[in-house]
Protein backbone atom coordinates (compact mmCIF):
# COMPACT_ATOMS: atom_id res chain seq x y z
CA MET A 1 72.09 101.15 172.68
CA SER A 2 70.12 100.88 175.73
CA HIS A 3 72.70 98.96 177.94
CA ILE A 4 74.93 101.90 176.71
CA ALA A 5 72.14 104.54 178.13
CA ARG A 6 71.51 102.46 181.65
CA LYS A 7 75.41 102.92 182.18
CA ILE A 8 75.54 106.79 181.29
CA ARG A 9 72.67 107.32 183.73
CA ILE A 10 74.82 105.37 186.51
CA ALA A 11 77.28 107.37 185.93
CA SER A 12 75.37 110.94 186.20
CA HIS A 13 73.95 109.58 189.56
CA LEU A 14 77.75 108.95 190.70
CA SER A 15 79.19 112.08 189.06
CA GLY A 16 76.09 113.99 191.30
CA ILE A 17 76.78 112.54 194.38
CA ALA A 18 80.25 112.68 194.33
CA GLN A 19 79.84 116.81 192.99
CA PHE A 20 76.69 117.30 195.56
CA GLY A 21 78.32 120.12 197.51
CA ARG A 22 81.50 122.24 198.24
CA GLY A 23 80.90 124.57 201.18
CA ARG A 24 78.04 126.26 199.75
CA PRO A 25 75.81 128.25 202.43
CA ILE A 26 73.08 125.95 202.07
CA HIS A 27 75.31 123.06 203.07
CA TYR A 28 76.72 125.30 206.33
CA LEU A 29 72.98 125.59 206.99
CA LEU A 30 72.15 121.83 206.67
CA ALA A 31 75.44 121.59 209.40
CA VAL A 32 73.25 123.12 211.75
CA VAL A 33 70.55 121.77 210.98
CA LEU A 34 71.38 118.23 211.32
CA VAL A 35 73.80 118.86 214.88
CA GLY A 36 69.93 120.52 216.13
CA GLY A 37 68.35 117.33 214.38
CA ALA A 38 71.16 114.95 216.32
CA ILE A 39 70.80 117.19 220.15
CA VAL A 40 66.79 116.54 219.63
CA VAL A 41 67.32 112.70 219.07
CA ARG A 42 69.56 111.82 221.70
CA LEU A 43 67.23 113.96 223.84
CA LEU A 44 64.43 111.70 222.32
CA ILE A 45 66.60 108.48 223.59
CA ALA A 46 67.58 109.10 227.02
CA SER A 47 67.85 111.88 229.36
CA GLN A 48 70.65 114.32 229.51
CA GLU A 49 72.44 112.38 232.12
CA ALA A 50 72.50 108.78 230.66
CA GLY A 51 75.72 109.83 228.98
CA LEU A 52 76.45 108.33 225.61
CA GLN A 53 76.96 112.02 224.85
CA PHE A 54 78.08 111.71 221.15
CA VAL A 55 76.00 108.83 219.92
CA THR A 56 73.71 110.79 217.64
CA PHE A 57 76.27 113.57 216.48
CA PHE A 58 78.41 111.00 214.63
CA PRO A 59 75.76 110.13 211.91
CA ALA A 60 74.80 113.45 211.94
CA VAL A 61 79.04 114.90 211.11
CA THR A 62 79.20 111.84 208.44
CA VAL A 63 75.80 112.99 206.69
CA VAL A 64 76.87 116.60 206.74
CA ALA A 65 80.79 115.28 205.04
CA ILE A 66 78.91 113.54 202.68
CA PHE A 67 76.76 115.50 201.38
CA GLY A 68 78.21 119.35 202.17
CA GLY A 69 81.66 118.25 202.39
CA VAL A 70 84.20 118.97 204.49
CA GLY A 71 84.09 122.61 205.75
CA PRO A 72 80.48 122.10 206.97
CA ALA A 73 81.60 118.59 208.33
CA VAL A 74 83.99 120.27 210.26
CA LEU A 75 81.49 123.11 211.22
CA ALA A 76 79.12 120.09 212.63
CA ALA A 77 82.15 118.81 214.43
CA LEU A 78 82.84 121.73 216.43
CA LEU A 79 79.54 122.18 217.16
CA SER A 80 78.48 118.63 217.83
CA SER A 81 81.41 118.42 220.62
CA ILE A 82 81.00 121.96 222.04
CA LEU A 83 76.82 121.29 222.41
CA ALA A 84 77.38 117.96 223.86
CA ASN A 85 80.06 119.36 226.42
CA TYR A 86 77.46 121.82 227.48
CA LEU A 87 74.55 119.71 227.32
CA PHE A 88 75.37 116.42 228.02
CA PHE A 89 78.32 116.27 230.18
CA PRO A 90 77.67 116.82 233.91
CA SER A 91 77.23 119.35 235.06
CA ILE A 92 74.59 119.39 232.91
CA ASN A 93 73.43 122.56 230.94
CA THR A 94 77.27 123.63 231.85
CA PHE A 95 80.52 123.98 230.29
CA ASN A 96 82.93 121.06 231.49
CA LEU A 97 86.27 122.24 231.77
CA SER A 98 87.53 118.90 232.90
CA ALA A 99 90.22 116.54 231.37
CA GLU A 100 87.92 113.87 230.89
CA ALA A 101 85.21 116.29 228.82
CA LEU A 102 88.00 117.89 226.93
CA TRP A 103 89.46 114.44 226.05
CA SER A 104 86.28 113.21 225.22
CA GLY A 105 86.04 116.56 222.84
CA VAL A 106 89.35 116.10 220.98
CA VAL A 107 88.69 112.38 220.06
CA PHE A 108 85.42 113.47 218.83
CA LEU A 109 86.58 116.23 216.79
CA ALA A 110 89.83 114.16 215.50
CA ASP A 111 87.74 110.66 214.89
CA GLU A 112 85.26 112.76 212.91
CA LEU A 113 88.06 114.77 211.10
CA VAL A 114 89.65 111.23 210.29
CA VAL A 115 86.41 110.35 209.05
CA CYS A 116 85.69 113.54 206.74
CA GLY A 117 88.92 113.01 205.66
CA ALA A 118 88.08 109.62 204.36
CA ILE A 119 84.88 111.12 202.84
CA ALA A 120 86.83 113.25 200.62
CA ALA A 121 88.88 111.25 199.60
CA MET A 122 85.99 108.56 198.31
CA GLN A 123 84.53 111.54 196.62
CA SER A 124 87.53 111.91 194.56
CA TYR A 125 87.94 109.02 193.49
CA TYR A 126 84.47 108.59 192.71
CA ALA A 127 84.78 111.74 190.63
CA ARG A 128 87.91 110.59 189.06
CA TYR A 129 86.01 107.34 188.59
CA VAL A 130 82.72 108.74 187.38
CA SER A 131 84.76 111.06 184.85
CA THR A 132 86.59 108.28 183.27
CA PHE A 133 83.63 106.13 183.16
CA GLU A 134 81.68 109.08 181.91
CA ALA A 135 84.29 109.25 179.26
CA LEU A 136 84.75 105.65 178.57
CA MET A 137 80.78 106.15 178.01
CA GLU A 138 80.71 108.87 175.73
CA ALA A 139 83.61 107.10 173.92
CA THR A 140 81.51 104.36 173.47
CA HIS A 141 78.85 106.12 172.64
CA ALA A 142 80.28 107.97 169.87
CA GLU A 143 82.11 104.38 168.49
CA ALA A 144 78.68 103.55 168.25
CA ARG A 145 77.24 106.02 166.65
CA ALA A 146 80.21 106.30 164.68
CA ARG A 147 79.85 102.40 163.77
CA ALA A 148 75.80 104.04 163.07
CA ALA A 149 77.02 106.36 160.82
CA ALA A 150 79.46 104.08 158.96
CA GLU A 151 77.07 101.57 158.48
CA ARG A 152 74.27 104.16 157.51
CA ALA A 153 77.52 105.37 154.93
CA ASN A 154 77.76 101.76 153.79
CA GLN A 155 74.13 101.56 153.02
CA ASP A 156 74.20 104.72 151.46
CA LEU A 157 77.23 103.98 149.07
CA LEU A 158 75.83 100.56 148.04
CA ALA A 159 72.69 102.08 147.18
CA ALA A 160 74.61 105.01 145.39
CA LYS A 161 76.69 102.47 143.72
CA ALA A 162 73.22 100.18 142.71
CA GLU A 163 71.67 103.22 141.24
CA ALA A 164 74.61 104.53 139.16
CA ASP A 165 74.76 100.73 138.31
CA ARG A 166 70.73 100.97 137.23
CA ARG A 167 71.89 104.31 135.65
CA ALA A 168 74.73 103.07 133.62
CA GLU A 169 72.53 100.68 132.65
CA ARG A 170 69.71 102.95 131.58
CA ALA A 171 72.08 105.10 129.66
CA GLU A 172 73.47 102.48 127.94
CA LEU A 173 70.31 101.04 126.74
CA ALA A 174 69.37 104.56 125.97
CA GLU A 175 72.66 104.61 124.08
CA VAL A 176 71.76 101.63 122.34
CA ARG A 177 68.01 102.96 121.32
CA LEU A 178 69.42 106.03 120.30
CA ALA A 179 71.99 104.52 118.16
CA GLU A 180 69.27 102.34 116.51
CA ALA A 181 67.05 105.47 115.99
CA LEU A 182 69.83 107.07 114.30
CA ASP A 183 69.60 104.11 111.94
CA GLU A 184 66.14 103.73 111.53
CA MET A 185 65.88 107.78 110.80
CA ARG A 186 68.89 107.23 108.45
CA ALA A 187 67.34 104.43 106.78
CA LEU A 188 63.96 106.33 106.55
CA LEU A 189 65.82 109.42 105.06
CA ASP A 190 67.34 107.42 102.44
CA THR A 191 63.92 105.49 102.27
CA VAL A 192 61.90 108.62 101.30
CA PRO A 193 62.17 109.68 97.23
CA ALA A 194 62.39 113.65 98.51
CA PRO A 195 65.79 115.29 98.25
CA ILE A 196 66.44 116.63 101.66
CA PHE A 197 69.25 118.83 102.59
CA ILE A 198 71.00 119.16 106.36
CA ALA A 199 73.54 122.44 106.62
CA HIS A 200 75.42 121.98 109.70
CA ASP A 201 76.97 125.13 110.06
CA PRO A 202 75.77 128.52 109.05
CA ASP A 203 78.15 129.01 106.60
CA CYS A 204 76.91 125.86 105.13
CA ASN A 205 80.74 124.19 104.75
CA ARG A 206 79.59 121.05 105.04
CA MET A 207 76.11 120.04 104.02
CA THR A 208 74.97 116.36 104.01
CA GLY A 209 71.73 114.70 102.63
CA ASN A 210 69.59 111.64 101.67
CA ARG A 211 70.38 109.06 99.31
CA ALA A 212 67.76 111.02 97.04
CA THR A 213 69.95 114.32 97.66
CA HIS A 214 72.90 112.40 96.02
CA GLU A 215 71.20 111.01 93.46
CA LEU A 216 69.78 114.40 92.39
CA LEU A 217 72.81 116.04 92.45
CA ARG A 218 74.88 112.93 90.79
CA PHE A 219 77.46 113.27 94.25
CA PRO A 220 78.37 110.23 95.88
CA VAL A 221 76.39 109.08 98.54
CA GLY A 222 77.46 110.17 101.85
CA SER A 223 79.73 113.01 100.23
CA ASN A 224 79.46 116.70 100.95
CA VAL A 225 76.82 118.49 98.91
CA SER A 226 77.65 121.83 100.00
CA ARG A 227 78.80 124.52 97.37
CA PRO A 228 80.31 127.03 99.42
CA SER A 229 81.14 130.76 98.02
CA GLY A 230 84.92 130.63 99.50
CA ASP A 231 85.45 127.21 97.67
CA PRO A 232 86.70 129.04 94.41
CA GLY A 233 88.57 125.54 93.00
CA ALA A 234 85.47 123.49 93.70
CA GLN A 235 84.00 122.12 90.48
CA TRP A 236 80.44 121.48 90.01
CA ASN A 237 78.56 120.17 86.96
CA PHE A 238 75.38 121.96 87.51
CA THR A 239 74.28 125.65 87.80
CA VAL A 240 70.95 126.38 89.84
CA PHE A 241 68.25 129.01 88.28
CA LYS A 242 65.45 130.32 89.87
CA ASP A 243 62.99 132.16 87.54
CA GLY A 244 65.33 131.98 84.86
CA VAL A 245 67.93 133.54 87.03
CA ALA A 246 71.19 131.64 87.65
CA LEU A 247 71.93 131.65 91.84
CA SER A 248 75.10 132.30 93.58
CA PRO A 249 75.97 130.03 95.83
CA HIS A 250 75.03 132.50 98.58
CA ASP A 251 71.53 132.82 97.42
CA LEU A 252 70.55 128.67 97.30
CA PRO A 253 67.55 128.14 99.16
CA VAL A 254 69.00 125.95 101.91
CA GLN A 255 72.39 128.83 101.96
CA ARG A 256 69.87 131.68 102.97
CA ALA A 257 67.85 129.64 105.24
CA ALA A 258 71.24 128.63 107.31
CA ARG A 259 71.35 132.84 107.62
CA GLY A 260 68.00 133.10 109.58
CA GLU A 261 65.98 133.71 106.03
CA VAL A 262 62.56 131.96 105.77
CA ILE A 263 62.40 129.61 102.51
CA CYS A 264 58.73 128.62 102.16
CA GLU A 265 57.66 126.61 98.81
CA GLU A 266 60.29 128.05 96.48
CA GLU A 267 61.17 126.37 92.50
CA VAL A 268 64.23 126.09 91.56
CA GLU A 269 65.94 124.73 87.78
CA ILE A 270 69.40 122.50 88.12
CA ARG A 271 71.01 122.78 84.80
CA PHE A 272 73.61 120.30 84.37
CA ASP A 273 76.32 120.92 81.72
CA ASP A 274 75.56 117.83 79.56
CA GLY A 275 72.17 120.04 79.40
CA ILE A 276 69.80 117.77 80.96
CA SER A 277 67.45 119.78 84.07
CA ALA A 278 65.62 118.73 87.19
CA TRP A 279 63.08 120.82 89.07
CA ILE A 280 62.89 120.70 92.99
CA PHE A 281 59.79 122.70 94.95
CA GLY A 282 60.09 122.55 98.67
CA SER A 283 60.96 124.60 101.61
CA ALA A 284 64.08 125.23 103.95
CA THR A 285 63.93 126.47 107.50
CA THR A 286 66.63 127.61 110.31
CA LEU A 287 68.26 125.47 112.82
CA ARG A 288 69.10 127.12 115.93
CA ASP A 289 71.58 126.55 119.19
CA GLN A 290 70.51 127.11 122.63
CA ASN A 291 70.75 130.97 122.45
CA GLY A 292 68.71 131.59 119.30
CA ALA A 293 71.66 132.25 116.42
CA PRO A 294 71.79 129.87 113.40
CA ARG A 295 73.59 127.26 113.45
CA GLY A 296 72.82 125.37 109.81
CA ALA A 297 69.75 124.73 108.32
CA LEU A 298 67.26 121.81 107.02
CA GLY A 299 65.55 122.13 103.44
CA ALA A 300 63.42 119.18 102.23
CA PHE A 301 62.33 119.48 98.48
CA ILE A 302 60.27 117.74 95.97
CA ASP A 303 61.95 116.37 92.38
CA ILE A 304 58.95 117.68 90.53
CA THR A 305 61.39 117.50 86.80
CA ARG A 306 58.50 114.76 85.41
CA LEU A 307 55.58 117.44 86.50
CA LYS A 308 57.48 120.21 84.62
CA GLU A 309 57.83 117.40 81.55
CA HIS A 310 54.50 116.86 81.47
CA GLU A 311 53.20 120.32 82.24
CA ARG A 312 55.81 121.39 78.96
CA ASP A 313 54.32 118.44 76.85
CA LEU A 314 50.88 119.38 77.83
CA MET A 315 51.79 123.22 76.76
CA ALA A 316 52.36 122.09 73.49
CA ALA A 317 49.48 119.74 72.97
CA ARG A 318 47.19 122.57 74.31
CA ARG A 319 48.51 124.94 71.60
CA GLU A 320 48.40 122.43 69.00
CA ALA A 321 45.38 121.76 70.06
CA GLU A 322 44.51 125.40 69.99
CA ILE A 323 46.05 125.43 66.87
CA ALA A 324 43.85 122.68 65.39
CA ASN A 325 40.88 123.89 66.85
CA ASP A 326 41.38 127.40 65.22
CA ALA A 327 41.58 125.61 61.94
CA LYS A 328 38.79 123.68 62.31
CA SER A 329 37.01 126.89 63.58
CA ARG A 330 38.07 128.61 60.42
CA PHE A 331 37.13 125.74 58.22
CA LEU A 332 33.69 125.18 59.52
CA ALA A 333 32.61 128.71 59.45
CA ALA A 334 33.68 128.82 55.64
CA ALA A 335 32.61 125.35 55.01
CA SER A 336 28.77 126.72 56.65
CA HIS A 337 29.08 129.64 55.07
CA ASP A 338 29.68 127.84 51.46
CA LEU A 339 27.31 125.65 51.62
CA ARG A 340 24.54 127.95 52.48
CA GLN A 341 24.43 129.05 49.08
CA PRO A 342 24.30 125.63 47.52
CA LEU A 343 21.15 124.50 50.07
CA GLN A 344 19.28 127.96 49.09
CA ALA A 345 19.40 127.50 45.73
CA LEU A 346 18.36 123.59 46.29
CA SER A 347 15.52 124.60 48.18
CA LEU A 348 14.24 126.70 45.42
CA GLN A 349 14.71 123.70 42.99
CA ILE A 350 12.91 121.65 45.28
CA GLY A 351 10.03 124.34 45.51
CA LEU A 352 10.12 124.42 41.84
CA LEU A 353 9.83 120.63 41.13
CA GLY A 354 6.75 120.73 43.90
CA ARG A 355 4.80 122.17 41.17
CA LYS A 356 5.31 119.73 38.71
CA PHE A 357 5.32 116.61 40.29
CA ASN A 358 2.00 114.09 40.27
CA LEU A 359 -0.01 113.82 43.01
CA GLY A 360 1.81 110.24 43.81
CA ASP A 361 5.28 111.67 43.92
CA ALA A 362 4.17 113.52 46.94
CA PRO A 363 5.89 111.00 49.44
CA LEU A 364 8.99 111.74 47.99
CA LEU A 365 8.92 115.34 47.85
CA LYS A 366 8.39 115.35 51.50
CA GLU A 367 11.14 112.98 52.11
CA MET A 368 13.50 115.72 50.06
CA GLU A 369 12.20 118.71 51.84
CA TYR A 370 12.86 116.49 55.01
CA CYS A 371 16.29 116.36 54.72
CA LEU A 372 16.80 119.38 53.20
CA PHE A 373 15.36 120.54 56.54
CA GLY A 374 17.78 118.80 58.74
CA LEU A 375 21.22 119.38 56.96
CA ASN A 376 19.99 123.52 57.21
CA GLU A 377 19.50 122.52 60.66
CA LEU A 378 22.92 120.96 60.52
CA LEU A 379 24.97 123.70 59.18
CA SER A 380 23.35 126.29 61.06
CA ASP A 381 24.25 125.10 64.18
CA LEU A 382 27.79 124.44 62.87
CA LEU A 383 27.68 127.49 61.68
CA ASP A 384 26.84 128.86 65.77
CA LEU A 385 28.96 126.30 67.20
CA SER A 386 32.24 127.70 65.11
CA LYS A 387 31.54 131.32 65.79
CA LEU A 388 31.68 130.25 69.31
CA ASP A 389 34.96 128.40 69.36
CA ALA A 390 36.30 131.40 67.72
CA GLY A 391 34.89 133.98 69.88
CA VAL A 392 34.03 135.89 67.06
CA ILE A 393 29.97 136.81 68.83
CA THR A 394 30.16 139.79 70.90
CA PRO A 395 27.38 139.72 73.00
CA LYS A 396 24.77 142.88 72.78
CA LEU A 397 23.99 143.79 76.36
CA LYS A 398 20.67 145.64 76.66
CA ASP A 399 17.47 145.53 79.14
CA PHE A 400 14.15 143.86 78.43
CA PRO A 401 11.30 141.70 80.12
CA ILE A 402 12.05 138.20 80.52
CA SER A 403 8.31 137.67 79.88
CA ASP A 404 8.72 138.47 76.13
CA VAL A 405 12.16 136.09 75.83
CA LEU A 406 9.64 133.17 77.59
CA SER A 407 6.73 134.06 74.91
CA THR A 408 8.97 134.34 72.18
CA VAL A 409 10.46 130.74 72.32
CA VAL A 410 7.26 129.55 73.71
CA ALA A 411 5.07 130.39 70.44
CA ILE A 412 7.89 128.75 68.84
CA HIS A 413 7.49 125.14 70.20
CA SER A 414 3.93 125.21 70.93
CA PRO A 415 2.75 123.47 67.64
CA GLY A 416 5.28 121.16 68.69
CA ALA A 417 4.01 120.31 71.85
CA GLU A 418 0.39 120.54 70.63
CA GLY A 419 1.20 117.78 68.40
CA LYS A 420 2.43 115.38 70.98
CA ASP A 421 -0.56 116.29 72.50
CA ILE A 422 1.23 117.55 76.11
CA ARG A 423 1.31 121.12 77.58
CA LEU A 424 3.59 123.51 76.99
CA CYS A 425 2.91 126.15 80.13
CA MET A 426 4.79 129.57 81.02
CA VAL A 427 4.84 131.43 84.48
CA PRO A 428 4.46 135.48 83.34
CA SER A 429 7.55 137.37 85.62
CA GLY A 430 7.74 141.31 85.77
CA LEU A 431 11.48 141.10 85.86
CA THR A 432 13.81 142.47 83.80
CA ALA A 433 16.87 141.14 82.11
CA ARG A 434 20.32 142.88 80.98
CA THR A 435 22.11 140.57 78.65
CA ASP A 436 22.17 139.68 74.60
CA ARG A 437 18.61 139.08 73.82
CA VAL A 438 19.62 136.99 70.97
CA LEU A 439 21.99 134.46 72.54
CA LEU A 440 19.02 134.09 75.29
CA GLU A 441 16.49 133.33 73.32
CA ARG A 442 19.00 130.73 71.31
CA VAL A 443 20.05 129.28 74.61
CA LEU A 444 16.16 128.74 75.84
CA ALA A 445 15.13 127.94 72.25
CA ASN A 446 17.46 124.81 72.32
CA LEU A 447 16.98 123.94 76.07
CA LEU A 448 12.82 123.90 75.58
CA SER A 449 13.27 122.35 72.33
CA ASN A 450 14.79 119.06 74.12
CA ALA A 451 11.87 119.39 76.76
CA VAL A 452 9.37 119.33 73.93
CA ARG A 453 11.06 116.40 72.09
CA TYR A 454 11.82 113.91 75.08
CA THR A 455 8.68 114.19 76.77
CA HIS A 456 5.82 111.95 75.43
CA LYS A 457 2.99 112.34 78.29
CA GLY A 458 2.23 115.19 80.53
CA GLY A 459 4.17 118.67 79.79
CA VAL A 460 6.65 121.11 80.10
CA LEU A 461 6.79 124.01 82.03
CA ILE A 462 9.14 127.03 81.74
CA GLY A 463 9.37 130.71 84.39
CA CYS A 464 11.62 132.51 86.43
CA ARG A 465 12.72 131.24 90.46
CA ARG A 466 14.38 133.39 93.02
CA ARG A 467 17.61 131.49 94.48
CA GLN A 468 20.49 132.39 97.09
CA GLY A 469 19.84 136.06 95.61
CA LYS A 470 19.74 135.21 92.20
CA VAL A 471 17.18 134.72 89.99
CA TRP A 472 16.78 131.48 87.66
CA ILE A 473 15.45 130.81 84.39
CA GLU A 474 14.43 126.82 84.97
CA VAL A 475 12.73 124.51 82.39
CA HIS A 476 10.64 121.13 83.63
CA ASP A 477 9.11 118.48 81.61
CA THR A 478 7.99 115.15 82.78
CA GLY A 479 9.96 113.09 80.31
CA ILE A 480 12.27 110.35 80.34
CA GLY A 481 15.05 112.45 82.33
CA ILE A 482 18.68 111.98 82.12
CA PRO A 483 21.20 110.26 84.68
CA GLN A 484 22.80 111.69 86.88
CA ASP A 485 26.48 110.10 85.40
CA LYS A 486 25.51 111.26 82.08
CA ILE A 487 25.12 115.16 82.79
CA PRO A 488 28.29 116.02 82.05
CA VAL A 489 28.74 114.02 79.21
CA ILE A 490 25.40 115.72 77.22
CA PHE A 491 27.19 118.88 76.55
CA GLU A 492 29.54 117.66 74.08
CA GLU A 493 29.24 117.67 70.44
CA PHE A 494 27.16 114.77 68.66
CA ARG A 495 26.09 113.47 71.63
CA GLN A 496 22.72 112.02 72.28
CA LEU A 497 22.06 108.99 75.09
CA ASP A 498 19.10 107.40 73.20
CA ASN A 499 19.78 108.20 69.55
CA PRO A 500 22.51 105.34 68.60
CA GLU A 501 21.11 105.44 64.95
CA ARG A 502 21.54 109.08 64.70
CA ASN A 503 17.54 109.70 64.15
CA ARG A 504 17.59 112.88 62.37
CA GLU A 505 14.18 113.31 64.51
CA LYS A 506 15.91 113.64 67.67
CA GLY A 507 18.45 116.80 66.60
CA THR A 508 21.61 117.21 66.14
CA GLY A 509 23.19 116.11 68.63
CA LEU A 510 24.46 120.14 68.68
CA GLY A 511 21.63 122.04 71.03
CA LEU A 512 23.28 121.50 74.23
CA ALA A 513 26.68 122.27 73.20
CA ILE A 514 25.77 125.49 72.04
CA VAL A 515 24.08 125.93 75.18
CA LYS A 516 27.38 125.24 76.94
CA ARG A 517 29.30 127.59 75.30
CA THR A 518 27.29 130.22 75.24
CA VAL A 519 26.42 130.13 78.97
C-alpha cells in the first residue's frame, strides 16, 4: 500500500506541473518580471555593446512557457525581441530597423515560438500521461480496497459461519437438554403420587395428566382425561360431587380455572358407577398466553380417600365410644347411688358392733372401719366422676373471697399434715373470685390432699399469685415431685405413679382425673 501511495504522490506533482498556468493574469505578470530579470542579468554579465543580445532572454521565455503557458510566453518573446533591439543593438538605446537587427528578432521569435509549441505539446502529453497514470493508480487503489474489503468480507463470512456453527451446536445441545428435561419432568410427574391435571386449551377439550391421574380416574395412561361439556356422546364411569352436590363438566375445578377463576383448596368426591368413591383435595391455577388471556389450566390434587375413610372410621368409633361412655356414666351413677344405701347401713351396723366387741377385738373393728371408709371414698369419687362425664353438673357462679376457700381446705387437711409432722401454710389474699365455690373447693382439696400425702418432710404452701395479667392459685410442696414426662398421664383414672400395689392409704387414683374434668 505504501508503494501505491508513493506513485500517487508523484502523479500529483506531475499533474501540478502540467496544469501550473493557463494564461492567468499572474502569469503575464510573471512574463514581464522574468523579461526584466533577463535584462538585469544581461547587463550584469556584459556591457550593452558586447553583443549577445538574446542570451538571457532564451531561458526567461522558456521558464514563462513552462510555468505560464503559451500566451505569457509569446508576450515574453515579443517583449524580449523589442527590448533586445532597443538596448543591445547599435545604436544603443535606440530602435535598430536594419535588416540584420530585424532578421535577428524574427529568428528569435520563431525560435521561441517553436520552443513554446514544444513545451505546450510536452505539457499536453504529460497531462494525458498523468491523467492516465492517476486513473491507473485510482483503479489500483480501488482494486486494493476491493481486495481488502473482500478479505474482510471473507473473514466476516468465516466468523459468521463459525458463529452459526457454534449457535447450531448450542441449539442442538439445548434441544437435547430440553428433551432430557422434558423426559425428566414426565418421569417426575409420573413419580409424584398426587394427581396432576393439565388443560391445554381454555375449553379443556384436551387434558392430560400424570400416572396418578389416570390411575385415579381408571383411564389408560396417556389418554385424554377431559370431560368437556360439549361432548354428549362421551361415556364416563364416574360423577364428581362437591359438598354432596353433583357437578356438571362445566363446573369442575380445572375447567373453572381454565376460564380464569381462582381455585384454592377444594375438596371433591369422585363416585364411580360400581359404588366406590375417591376423594381429592387441591388447587388449580390458570395458564395464560403472552396477552394475558387464559390458554388452559394446571391442577394439583392429593388423594385423601384413605384419610376420609379413616375419618369415617374415627367418627364411627367416636360415636361408639361416646355411647359406651354414656352407658358407663349412667351405670356408675346408678351403681354408686344404689350402693350408698348398703354402705350407710353397713356403717351403722359396724357402729352397733363396736359397742358389743371386747377390747381384744378393737383392731379388727378398726380395720373394718378403714375398709368401709375407703369403699365410701371410692364410691364418692366414682359418683363425682360419672356426673362430670355425663355433664349433669352445672356450675353455680357467685362472688366470694378466695381466702375463705383457702382457709376451708387448709383446715380440712391440717390434721393430716400435723400427723406427718409437716407444715401446711396459706398465703392470705384479699382478692374476690367469681365461680362455683363447691367445685373450686373440691379441686383445691384434691390438689392439697395429694401434696400432703406425698410430702414426707418440709411442708406444703397454698396461695395466689398474679402472672400474665391473671390470678393463679398455686400449691407448692417439698414432696417427691412428678417427672416431666409423666405429667400428661397423672390425670388419667386410677393412674398412680408409685402405687402398683394399689395401697388405699395413697388414695383412689381419681382425684386428679376429677380435677381435670372440673377445670
